[in-house]
Amino acid sequence: MHNFGFALDGAWQVLLAGLALGAGLPILFALGIRSLAWGAGEAAVNPSGVTVPGGRRPLGTVLGYLLFAVVVVGVVLGITFIVAGGFGYKMDFSNIYPTFIAK
């Protein structure tokens, strides 16, 4: 019965890692696109039929760029992790920033 508990514990960890790394970055990218669209504001049409820009929301634009920065950092860390393994190093996250340690 204890093995079943260990299996469920491991399954939850794999599920969370898969969501964070597999689906998490595309979700953050989509939220960044959505934030930029919200930050651009709505277009309005005046009585003469000319489309004029509506009220811009700078918070949406800043939030969108922050989300894009998180996605870029995640992609760069992933590529760095793969390349470091190819050169015989491993990444250590015991500090605030990742460091490389020889295997």
C-alpha atoms as a PDB file:
ATOM      1  CA  MET A   1       0.000   0.000   0.000  1.00  0.00           C
ATOM      2  CA  HIS A   2       2.916   2.324   0.630  1.00  0.00           C
ATOM      3  CA  ASN A   3       4.122   1.804  -2.942  1.00  0.00           C
ATOM      4  CA  PHE A   4       0.834   3.174  -4.248  1.00  0.00           C
ATOM      5  CA  GLY A   5       1.329   6.322  -2.165  1.00  0.00           C
ATOM      6  CA  PHE A   6       4.876   6.705  -3.483  1.00  0.00           C
ATOM      7  CA  ALA A   7       3.626   6.278  -7.055  1.00  0.00           C
ATOM      8  CA  LEU A   8       0.947   8.937  -6.588  1.00  0.00           C
ATOM      9  CA  ASP A   9       3.465  11.296  -5.014  1.00  0.00           C
ATOM     10  CA  GLY A  10       5.815  10.837  -7.969  1.00  0.00           C
ATOM     11  CA  ALA A  11       2.960  11.230 -10.457  1.00  0.00           C
ATOM     12  CA  TRP A  12       1.971  14.582  -8.951  1.00  0.00           C
ATOM     13  CA  GLN A  13       5.549  15.818  -9.167  1.00  0.00           C
ATOM     14  CA  VAL A  14       5.815  14.779 -12.818  1.00  0.00           C
ATOM     15  CA  LEU A  15       2.454  16.387 -13.572  1.00  0.00           C
ATOM     16  CA  LEU A  16       3.447  19.691 -11.968  1.00  0.00           C
ATOM     17  CA  ALA A  17       6.833  19.736 -13.727  1.00  0.00           C
ATOM     18  CA  GLY A  18       5.143  18.954 -17.045  1.00  0.00           C
ATOM     19  CA  LEU A  19       2.612  21.721 -16.592  1.00  0.00           C
ATOM     20  CA  ALA A  20       5.230  24.261 -15.552  1.00  0.00           C
ATOM     21  CA  LEU A  21       7.756  23.444 -18.264  1.00  0.00           C
ATOM     22  CA  GLY A  22       5.612  21.976 -21.013  1.00  0.00           C
ATOM     23  CA  ALA A  23       2.439  24.026 -20.974  1.00  0.00           C
ATOM     24  CA  GLY A  24       3.470  26.861 -18.685  1.00  0.00           C
ATOM     25  CA  LEU A  25       5.607  28.816 -21.129  1.00  0.00           C
ATOM     26  CA  PRO A  26       3.055  28.740 -23.977  1.00  0.00           C
ATOM     27  CA  ILE A  27       0.366  29.837 -21.524  1.00  0.00           C
ATOM     28  CA  LEU A  28       2.547  32.753 -20.372  1.00  0.00           C
ATOM     29  CA  PHE A  29       3.215  33.672 -24.008  1.00  0.00           C
ATOM     30  CA  ALA A  30      -0.524  33.662 -24.750  1.00  0.00           C
ATOM     31  CA  LEU A  31      -1.192  35.806 -21.682  1.00  0.00           C
ATOM     32  CA  GLY A  32       1.507  38.222 -22.892  1.00  0.00           C
ATOM     33  CA  ILE A  33      -0.214  38.546 -26.268  1.00  0.00           C
ATOM     34  CA  ARG A  34      -3.526  39.057 -24.513  1.00  0.00           C
ATOM     35  CA  SER A  35      -2.011  41.721 -22.219  1.00  0.00           C
ATOM     36  CA  LEU A  36      -0.559  43.613 -25.180  1.00  0.00           C
ATOM     37  CA  ALA A  37      -3.952  43.582 -26.886  1.00  0.00           C
ATOM     38  CA  TRP A  38      -5.613  44.846 -23.706  1.00  0.00           C
ATOM     39  CA  GLY A  39      -2.904  47.491 -23.312  1.00  0.00           C
ATOM     40  CA  ALA A  40      -3.462  48.791 -26.848  1.00  0.00           C
ATOM     41  CA  GLY A  41      -7.008  49.794 -25.958  1.00  0.00           C
ATOM     42  CA  GLU A  42     -10.100  49.643 -28.097  1.00  0.00           C
ATOM     43  CA  ALA A  43     -10.452  51.364 -31.411  1.00  0.00           C
ATOM     44  CA  ALA A  44     -13.358  53.770 -31.746  1.00  0.00           C
ATOM     45  CA  VAL A  45     -15.114  55.006 -34.852  1.00  0.00           C
ATOM     46  CA  ASN A  46     -16.114  58.666 -34.884  1.00  0.00           C
ATOM     47  CA  PRO A  47     -19.256  59.865 -36.733  1.00  0.00           C
ATOM     48  CA  SER A  48     -17.309  60.577 -39.937  1.00  0.00           C
ATOM     49  CA  GLY A  49     -16.329  56.881 -40.137  1.00  0.00           C
ATOM     50  CA  VAL A  50     -12.671  57.348 -39.265  1.00  0.00           C
ATOM     51  CA  THR A  51     -11.175  54.856 -36.820  1.00  0.00           C
ATOM     52  CA  VAL A  52      -9.363  56.569 -33.969  1.00  0.00           C
ATOM     53  CA  PRO A  53      -7.358  54.873 -31.248  1.00  0.00           C
ATOM     54  CA  GLY A  54      -9.124  54.473 -27.944  1.00  0.00           C
ATOM     55  CA  GLY A  55      -7.708  54.768 -24.469  1.00  0.00           C
ATOM     56  CA  ARG A  56      -4.378  53.012 -24.106  1.00  0.00           C
ATOM     57  CA  ARG A  57      -3.590  51.046 -20.958  1.00  0.00           C
ATOM     58  CA  PRO A  58       0.139  51.175 -20.178  1.00  0.00           C
ATOM     59  CA  LEU A  59      -0.232  48.547 -17.449  1.00  0.00           C
ATOM     60  CA  GLY A  60      -1.258  45.957 -20.048  1.00  0.00           C
ATOM     61  CA  THR A  61       1.734  46.756 -22.226  1.00  0.00           C
ATOM     62  CA  VAL A  62       4.179  46.528 -19.318  1.00  0.00           C
ATOM     63  CA  LEU A  63       2.603  43.273 -18.117  1.00  0.00           C
ATOM     64  CA  GLY A  64       2.825  41.828 -21.625  1.00  0.00           C
ATOM     65  CA  TYR A  65       6.523  42.632 -21.938  1.00  0.00           C
ATOM     66  CA  LEU A  66       7.202  41.204 -18.464  1.00  0.00           C
ATOM     67  CA  LEU A  67       5.494  37.966 -19.441  1.00  0.00           C
ATOM     68  CA  PHE A  68       7.545  37.825 -22.645  1.00  0.00           C
ATOM     69  CA  ALA A  69      10.711  38.345 -20.584  1.00  0.00           C
ATOM     70  CA  VAL A  70       9.791  35.382 -18.353  1.00  0.00           C
ATOM     71  CA  VAL A  71       9.251  33.212 -21.437  1.00  0.00           C
ATOM     72  CA  VAL A  72      12.589  34.269 -22.940  1.00  0.00           C
ATOM     73  CA  VAL A  73      14.407  33.536 -19.659  1.00  0.00           C
ATOM     74  CA  GLY A  74      12.774  30.099 -19.507  1.00  0.00           C
ATOM     75  CA  VAL A  75      13.786  29.276 -23.078  1.00  0.00           C
ATOM     76  CA  VAL A  76      17.352  30.511 -22.562  1.00  0.00           C
ATOM     77  CA  LEU A  77      17.699  28.485 -19.342  1.00  0.00           C
ATOM     78  CA  GLY A  78      16.374  25.398 -21.118  1.00  0.00           C
ATOM     79  CA  ILE A  79      18.819  25.730 -23.997  1.00  0.00           C
ATOM     80  CA  THR A  80      21.647  26.434 -21.549  1.00  0.00           C
ATOM     81  CA  PHE A  81      20.746  23.306 -19.569  1.00  0.00           C
ATOM     82  CA  ILE A  82      20.900  21.164 -22.723  1.00  0.00           C
ATOM     83  CA  VAL A  83      24.163  22.679 -23.985  1.00  0.00           C
ATOM     84  CA  ALA A  84      25.833  22.458 -20.562  1.00  0.00           C
ATOM     85  CA  GLY A  85      25.013  18.757 -20.416  1.00  0.00           C
ATOM     86  CA  GLY A  86      26.612  18.279 -23.821  1.00  0.00           C
ATOM     87  CA  PHE A  87      29.836  19.904 -22.646  1.00  0.00           C
ATOM     88  CA  GLY A  88      30.020  17.794 -19.484  1.00  0.00           C
ATOM     89  CA  TYR A  89      28.658  20.344 -17.027  1.00  0.00           C
ATOM     90  CA  LYS A  90      25.523  20.459 -14.949  1.00  0.00           C
ATOM     91  CA  MET A  91      23.584  23.505 -13.812  1.00  0.00           C
ATOM     92  CA  ASP A  92      23.288  24.127 -10.093  1.00  0.00           C
ATOM     93  CA  PHE A  93      20.451  26.285  -8.811  1.00  0.00           C
ATOM     94  CA  SER A  94      21.553  26.475  -5.172  1.00  0.00           C
ATOM     95  CA  ASN A  95      22.318  30.197  -5.571  1.00  0.00           C
ATOM     96  CA  ILE A  96      20.030  32.907  -6.907  1.00  0.00           C
ATOM     97  CA  TYR A  97      21.536  32.505 -10.370  1.00  0.00           C
ATOM     98  CA  PRO A  98      22.462  29.225 -12.072  1.00  0.00           C
ATOM     99  CA  THR A  99      26.090  28.101 -11.908  1.00  0.00           C
ATOM    100  CA  PHE A 100      27.916  25.415 -13.881  1.00  0.00           C
ATOM    101  CA  ILE A 101      29.608  22.491 -12.156  1.00  0.00           C
ATOM    102  CA  ALA A 102      31.725  19.838 -13.872  1.00  0.00           C
ATOM    103  CA  LYS A 103      30.125  16.386 -13.756  1.00  0.00           C
END
